[in-house]
Amino acid sequence: MFFLAFAGVQLVPDGTLFIHIALILLMIWILNRTFFRPINRVIELREKNKGGRFGEAESILRQVSEKQNKYNQALLEARNKGYQMIESERAAAVAGRESQIGAVKEEVTQRVELEKAQIQAQTIEARAAIAAEADKLAEKISSSILKA
């Protein structure tokens, strides 16, 4: 506009300005009726038929989310089963260990009783031997005293 002012052209609004504005508005109305509305309808139908611009992506994301939930659920169930198996194996090992400990305790108790019985028998034999020895010594001593 700066150059037009120096070139001697002056822009002064006159009555043709309103005619131009009316022509532009008429052109917009005609284009809306004949061109833009049908195209917008076709675009809307396409979006409805394919689920919108992001419909396919949303369905894929939904499927991924469902599959991830199923995976997490299966993983949780597998972990639970694993923990149950570990717990049952541990319980079986504890029960086996307890039974082995019980058997060893019983064996030790039996051996202790056997050893006690053997010690008592040896004690009785030793007392009998000592008593017999004491009788022999008493006889020797009394015969030595009587000889002297």
C-alpha atoms as a PDB file:
ATOM      1  CA  MET A   1       0.000   0.000   0.000  1.00  0.00           C
ATOM      2  CA  PHE A   2       2.939   2.267   0.638  1.00  0.00           C
ATOM      3  CA  PHE A   3       4.025   1.960  -3.001  1.00  0.00           C
ATOM      4  CA  LEU A   4       0.526   2.574  -4.326  1.00  0.00           C
ATOM      5  CA  ALA A   5       0.315   5.861  -2.468  1.00  0.00           C
ATOM      6  CA  PHE A   6       3.440   7.129  -4.172  1.00  0.00           C
ATOM      7  CA  ALA A   7       2.375   5.855  -7.596  1.00  0.00           C
ATOM      8  CA  GLY A   8      -0.542   8.190  -7.643  1.00  0.00           C
ATOM      9  CA  VAL A   9      -3.185   5.580  -7.025  1.00  0.00           C
ATOM     10  CA  GLN A  10      -5.541   6.423  -4.279  1.00  0.00           C
ATOM     11  CA  LEU A  11      -7.757   3.855  -2.716  1.00  0.00           C
ATOM     12  CA  VAL A  12     -10.961   5.478  -1.767  1.00  0.00           C
ATOM     13  CA  PRO A  13     -13.918   3.341  -0.828  1.00  0.00           C
ATOM     14  CA  ASP A  14     -16.831   3.979  -3.072  1.00  0.00           C
ATOM     15  CA  GLY A  15     -20.145   2.274  -3.854  1.00  0.00           C
ATOM     16  CA  THR A  16     -18.503  -0.697  -5.625  1.00  0.00           C
ATOM     17  CA  LEU A  17     -17.161  -1.853  -2.260  1.00  0.00           C
ATOM     18  CA  PHE A  18     -20.628  -2.957  -1.205  1.00  0.00           C
ATOM     19  CA  ILE A  19     -21.123  -4.746  -4.516  1.00  0.00           C
ATOM     20  CA  HIS A  20     -17.854  -6.652  -3.992  1.00  0.00           C
ATOM     21  CA  ILE A  21     -18.843  -7.621  -0.457  1.00  0.00           C
ATOM     22  CA  ALA A  22     -22.224  -8.826  -1.708  1.00  0.00           C
ATOM     23  CA  LEU A  23     -20.571 -10.859  -4.475  1.00  0.00           C
ATOM     24  CA  ILE A  24     -18.166 -12.489  -1.988  1.00  0.00           C
ATOM     25  CA  LEU A  25     -21.029 -13.407   0.355  1.00  0.00           C
ATOM     26  CA  LEU A  26     -23.039 -14.805  -2.600  1.00  0.00           C
ATOM     27  CA  MET A  27     -20.026 -16.833  -3.718  1.00  0.00           C
ATOM     28  CA  ILE A  28     -19.572 -18.245  -0.179  1.00  0.00           C
ATOM     29  CA  TRP A  29     -23.262 -19.202  -0.001  1.00  0.00           C
ATOM     30  CA  ILE A  30     -23.155 -20.903  -3.425  1.00  0.00           C
ATOM     31  CA  LEU A  31     -19.919 -22.771  -2.623  1.00  0.00           C
ATOM     32  CA  ASN A  32     -21.363 -23.959   0.695  1.00  0.00           C
ATOM     33  CA  ARG A  33     -24.494 -25.299  -1.002  1.00  0.00           C
ATOM     34  CA  THR A  34     -22.828 -26.905  -4.019  1.00  0.00           C
ATOM     35  CA  PHE A  35     -19.351 -27.880  -2.880  1.00  0.00           C
ATOM     36  CA  PHE A  36     -18.559 -27.837   0.837  1.00  0.00           C
ATOM     37  CA  ARG A  37     -21.718 -29.476   2.238  1.00  0.00           C
ATOM     38  CA  PRO A  38     -21.564 -32.549  -0.048  1.00  0.00           C
ATOM     39  CA  ILE A  39     -17.865 -32.975   0.637  1.00  0.00           C
ATOM     40  CA  ASN A  40     -18.430 -32.646   4.380  1.00  0.00           C
ATOM     41  CA  ARG A  41     -21.208 -35.262   4.182  1.00  0.00           C
ATOM     42  CA  VAL A  42     -18.921 -37.675   2.341  1.00  0.00           C
ATOM     43  CA  ILE A  43     -16.164 -37.124   4.894  1.00  0.00           C
ATOM     44  CA  GLU A  44     -18.588 -37.680   7.796  1.00  0.00           C
ATOM     45  CA  LEU A  45     -19.879 -40.904   6.206  1.00  0.00           C
ATOM     46  CA  ARG A  46     -16.334 -42.180   5.752  1.00  0.00           C
ATOM     47  CA  GLU A  47     -15.499 -41.419   9.354  1.00  0.00           C
ATOM     48  CA  LYS A  48     -18.674 -43.151  10.548  1.00  0.00           C
ATOM     49  CA  ASN A  49     -18.037 -46.204   8.371  1.00  0.00           C
ATOM     50  CA  LYS A  50     -14.463 -46.668   9.453  1.00  0.00           C
ATOM     51  CA  GLY A  51     -15.078 -45.545  13.012  1.00  0.00           C
ATOM     52  CA  GLY A  52     -13.726 -42.078  12.736  1.00  0.00           C
ATOM     53  CA  ARG A  53     -10.201 -40.944  12.156  1.00  0.00           C
ATOM     54  CA  PHE A  54      -8.935 -42.601  15.276  1.00  0.00           C
ATOM     55  CA  GLY A  55     -11.536 -45.388  15.491  1.00  0.00           C
ATOM     56  CA  GLU A  56      -9.191 -48.072  14.236  1.00  0.00           C
ATOM     57  CA  ALA A  57      -6.416 -46.893  16.526  1.00  0.00           C
ATOM     58  CA  GLU A  58      -8.827 -46.809  19.452  1.00  0.00           C
ATOM     59  CA  SER A  59     -10.023 -50.337  18.725  1.00  0.00           C
ATOM     60  CA  ILE A  60      -6.418 -51.528  18.497  1.00  0.00           C
ATOM     61  CA  LEU A  61      -5.607 -49.801  21.788  1.00  0.00           C
ATOM     62  CA  ARG A  62      -8.677 -51.382  23.359  1.00  0.00           C
ATOM     63  CA  GLN A  63      -7.607 -54.816  22.117  1.00  0.00           C
ATOM     64  CA  VAL A  64      -4.085 -54.249  23.413  1.00  0.00           C
ATOM     65  CA  SER A  65      -5.475 -53.178  26.768  1.00  0.00           C
ATOM     66  CA  GLU A  66      -7.710 -56.264  26.964  1.00  0.00           C
ATOM     67  CA  LYS A  67      -4.844 -58.554  26.002  1.00  0.00           C
ATOM     68  CA  GLN A  68      -2.581 -56.873  28.534  1.00  0.00           C
ATOM     69  CA  ASN A  69      -5.217 -57.360  31.236  1.00  0.00           C
ATOM     70  CA  LYS A  70      -5.554 -61.033  30.270  1.00  0.00           C
ATOM     71  CA  TYR A  71      -1.763 -61.391  30.324  1.00  0.00           C
ATOM     72  CA  ASN A  72      -1.516 -59.764  33.743  1.00  0.00           C
ATOM     73  CA  GLN A  73      -4.318 -61.997  35.054  1.00  0.00           C
ATOM     74  CA  ALA A  74      -2.636 -65.124  33.656  1.00  0.00           C
ATOM     75  CA  LEU A  75       0.692 -64.016  35.102  1.00  0.00           C
ATOM     76  CA  LEU A  76      -0.906 -63.478  38.498  1.00  0.00           C
ATOM     77  CA  GLU A  77      -2.546 -66.910  38.367  1.00  0.00           C
ATOM     78  CA  ALA A  78       0.749 -68.536  37.338  1.00  0.00           C
ATOM     79  CA  ARG A  79       2.549 -66.822  40.205  1.00  0.00           C
ATOM     80  CA  ASN A  80      -0.131 -67.980  42.638  1.00  0.00           C
ATOM     81  CA  LYS A  81       0.155 -71.550  41.373  1.00  0.00           C
ATOM     82  CA  GLY A  82       3.936 -71.334  41.655  1.00  0.00           C
ATOM     83  CA  TYR A  83       3.708 -70.046  45.205  1.00  0.00           C
ATOM     84  CA  GLN A  84       1.242 -72.818  46.065  1.00  0.00           C
ATOM     85  CA  MET A  85       3.574 -75.431  44.588  1.00  0.00           C
ATOM     86  CA  ILE A  86       6.515 -74.011  46.510  1.00  0.00           C
ATOM     87  CA  GLU A  87       4.468 -73.955  49.701  1.00  0.00           C
ATOM     88  CA  SER A  88       3.288 -77.564  49.225  1.00  0.00           C
ATOM     89  CA  GLU A  89       6.854 -78.723  48.503  1.00  0.00           C
ATOM     90  CA  ARG A  90       8.093 -76.861  51.562  1.00  0.00           C
ATOM     91  CA  ALA A  91       5.354 -78.405  53.698  1.00  0.00           C
ATOM     92  CA  ALA A  92       6.229 -81.863  52.371  1.00  0.00           C
ATOM     93  CA  ALA A  93       9.914 -81.265  53.098  1.00  0.00           C
ATOM     94  CA  VAL A  94       9.108 -80.064  56.626  1.00  0.00           C
ATOM     95  CA  ALA A  95       6.892 -83.105  57.220  1.00  0.00           C
ATOM     96  CA  GLY A  96       9.645 -85.416  55.928  1.00  0.00           C
ATOM     97  CA  ARG A  97      12.211 -83.725  58.103  1.00  0.00           C
ATOM     98  CA  GLU A  98       9.925 -83.969  61.144  1.00  0.00           C
ATOM     99  CA  SER A  99       9.366 -87.667  60.513  1.00  0.00           C
ATOM    100  CA  GLN A 100      13.118 -88.220  60.156  1.00  0.00           C
ATOM    101  CA  ILE A 101      13.756 -86.276  63.351  1.00  0.00           C
ATOM    102  CA  GLY A 102      11.085 -88.331  65.127  1.00  0.00           C
ATOM    103  CA  ALA A 103      12.641 -91.586  63.888  1.00  0.00           C
ATOM    104  CA  VAL A 104      16.116 -90.471  64.993  1.00  0.00           C
ATOM    105  CA  LYS A 105      14.769 -89.420  68.395  1.00  0.00           C
ATOM    106  CA  GLU A 106      13.080 -92.808  68.807  1.00  0.00           C
ATOM    107  CA  GLU A 107      16.282 -94.597  67.810  1.00  0.00           C
ATOM    108  CA  VAL A 108      18.324 -92.484  70.232  1.00  0.00           C
ATOM    109  CA  THR A 109      15.796 -93.171  73.007  1.00  0.00           C
ATOM    110  CA  GLN A 110      15.997 -96.903  72.321  1.00  0.00           C
ATOM    111  CA  ARG A 111      19.816 -96.828  72.332  1.00  0.00           C
ATOM    112  CA  VAL A 112      19.863 -94.853  75.571  1.00  0.00           C
ATOM    113  CA  GLU A 113      17.500 -97.371  77.186  1.00  0.00           C
ATOM    114  CA  LEU A 114      19.637-100.254  75.886  1.00  0.00           C
ATOM    115  CA  GLU A 115      22.816 -98.623  77.166  1.00  0.00           C
ATOM    116  CA  LYS A 116      21.168 -97.958  80.545  1.00  0.00           C
ATOM    117  CA  ALA A 117      20.139-101.608  80.756  1.00  0.00           C
ATOM    118  CA  GLN A 118      23.666-102.699  79.828  1.00  0.00           C
ATOM    119  CA  ILE A 119      25.159-100.328  82.410  1.00  0.00           C
ATOM    120  CA  GLN A 120      22.787-101.650  85.084  1.00  0.00           C
ATOM    121  CA  ALA A 121      23.706-105.238  84.141  1.00  0.00           C
ATOM    122  CA  GLN A 122      27.408-104.364  84.267  1.00  0.00           C
ATOM    123  CA  THR A 123      26.862-102.608  87.605  1.00  0.00           C
ATOM    124  CA  ILE A 124      25.167-105.698  89.020  1.00  0.00           C
ATOM    125  CA  GLU A 125      27.972-107.916  87.649  1.00  0.00           C
ATOM    126  CA  ALA A 126      30.605-105.553  89.020  1.00  0.00           C
ATOM    127  CA  ARG A 127      28.944-105.515  92.463  1.00  0.00           C
ATOM    128  CA  ALA A 128      28.690-109.280  92.404  1.00  0.00           C
ATOM    129  CA  ALA A 129      32.351-109.560  91.369  1.00  0.00           C
ATOM    130  CA  ILE A 130      33.386-107.022  94.014  1.00  0.00           C
ATOM    131  CA  ALA A 131      31.317-108.852  96.635  1.00  0.00           C
ATOM    132  CA  ALA A 132      32.881-112.179  95.635  1.00  0.00           C
ATOM    133  CA  GLU A 133      36.330-110.553  95.659  1.00  0.00           C
ATOM    134  CA  ALA A 134      35.582-108.974  99.023  1.00  0.00           C
ATOM    135  CA  ASP A 135      34.531-112.348 100.400  1.00  0.00           C
ATOM    136  CA  LYS A 136      37.755-113.935  99.118  1.00  0.00           C
ATOM    137  CA  LEU A 137      39.843-111.138 100.564  1.00  0.00           C
ATOM    138  CA  ALA A 138      37.959-111.346 103.866  1.00  0.00           C
ATOM    139  CA  GLU A 139      38.602-115.067 103.941  1.00  0.00           C
ATOM    140  CA  LYS A 140      42.306-114.564 103.170  1.00  0.00           C
ATOM    141  CA  ILE A 141      42.580-111.876 105.795  1.00  0.00           C
ATOM    142  CA  SER A 142      40.772-113.998 108.394  1.00  0.00           C
ATOM    143  CA  SER A 143      42.877-117.041 107.545  1.00  0.00           C
ATOM    144  CA  SER A 144      46.054-114.909 107.735  1.00  0.00           C
ATOM    145  CA  ILE A 145      44.996-113.537 111.072  1.00  0.00           C
ATOM    146  CA  LEU A 146      44.153-117.014 112.378  1.00  0.00           C
ATOM    147  CA  LYS A 147      47.496-118.416 111.230  1.00  0.00           C
ATOM    148  CA  ALA A 148      49.448-115.785 112.859  1.00  0.00           C
END
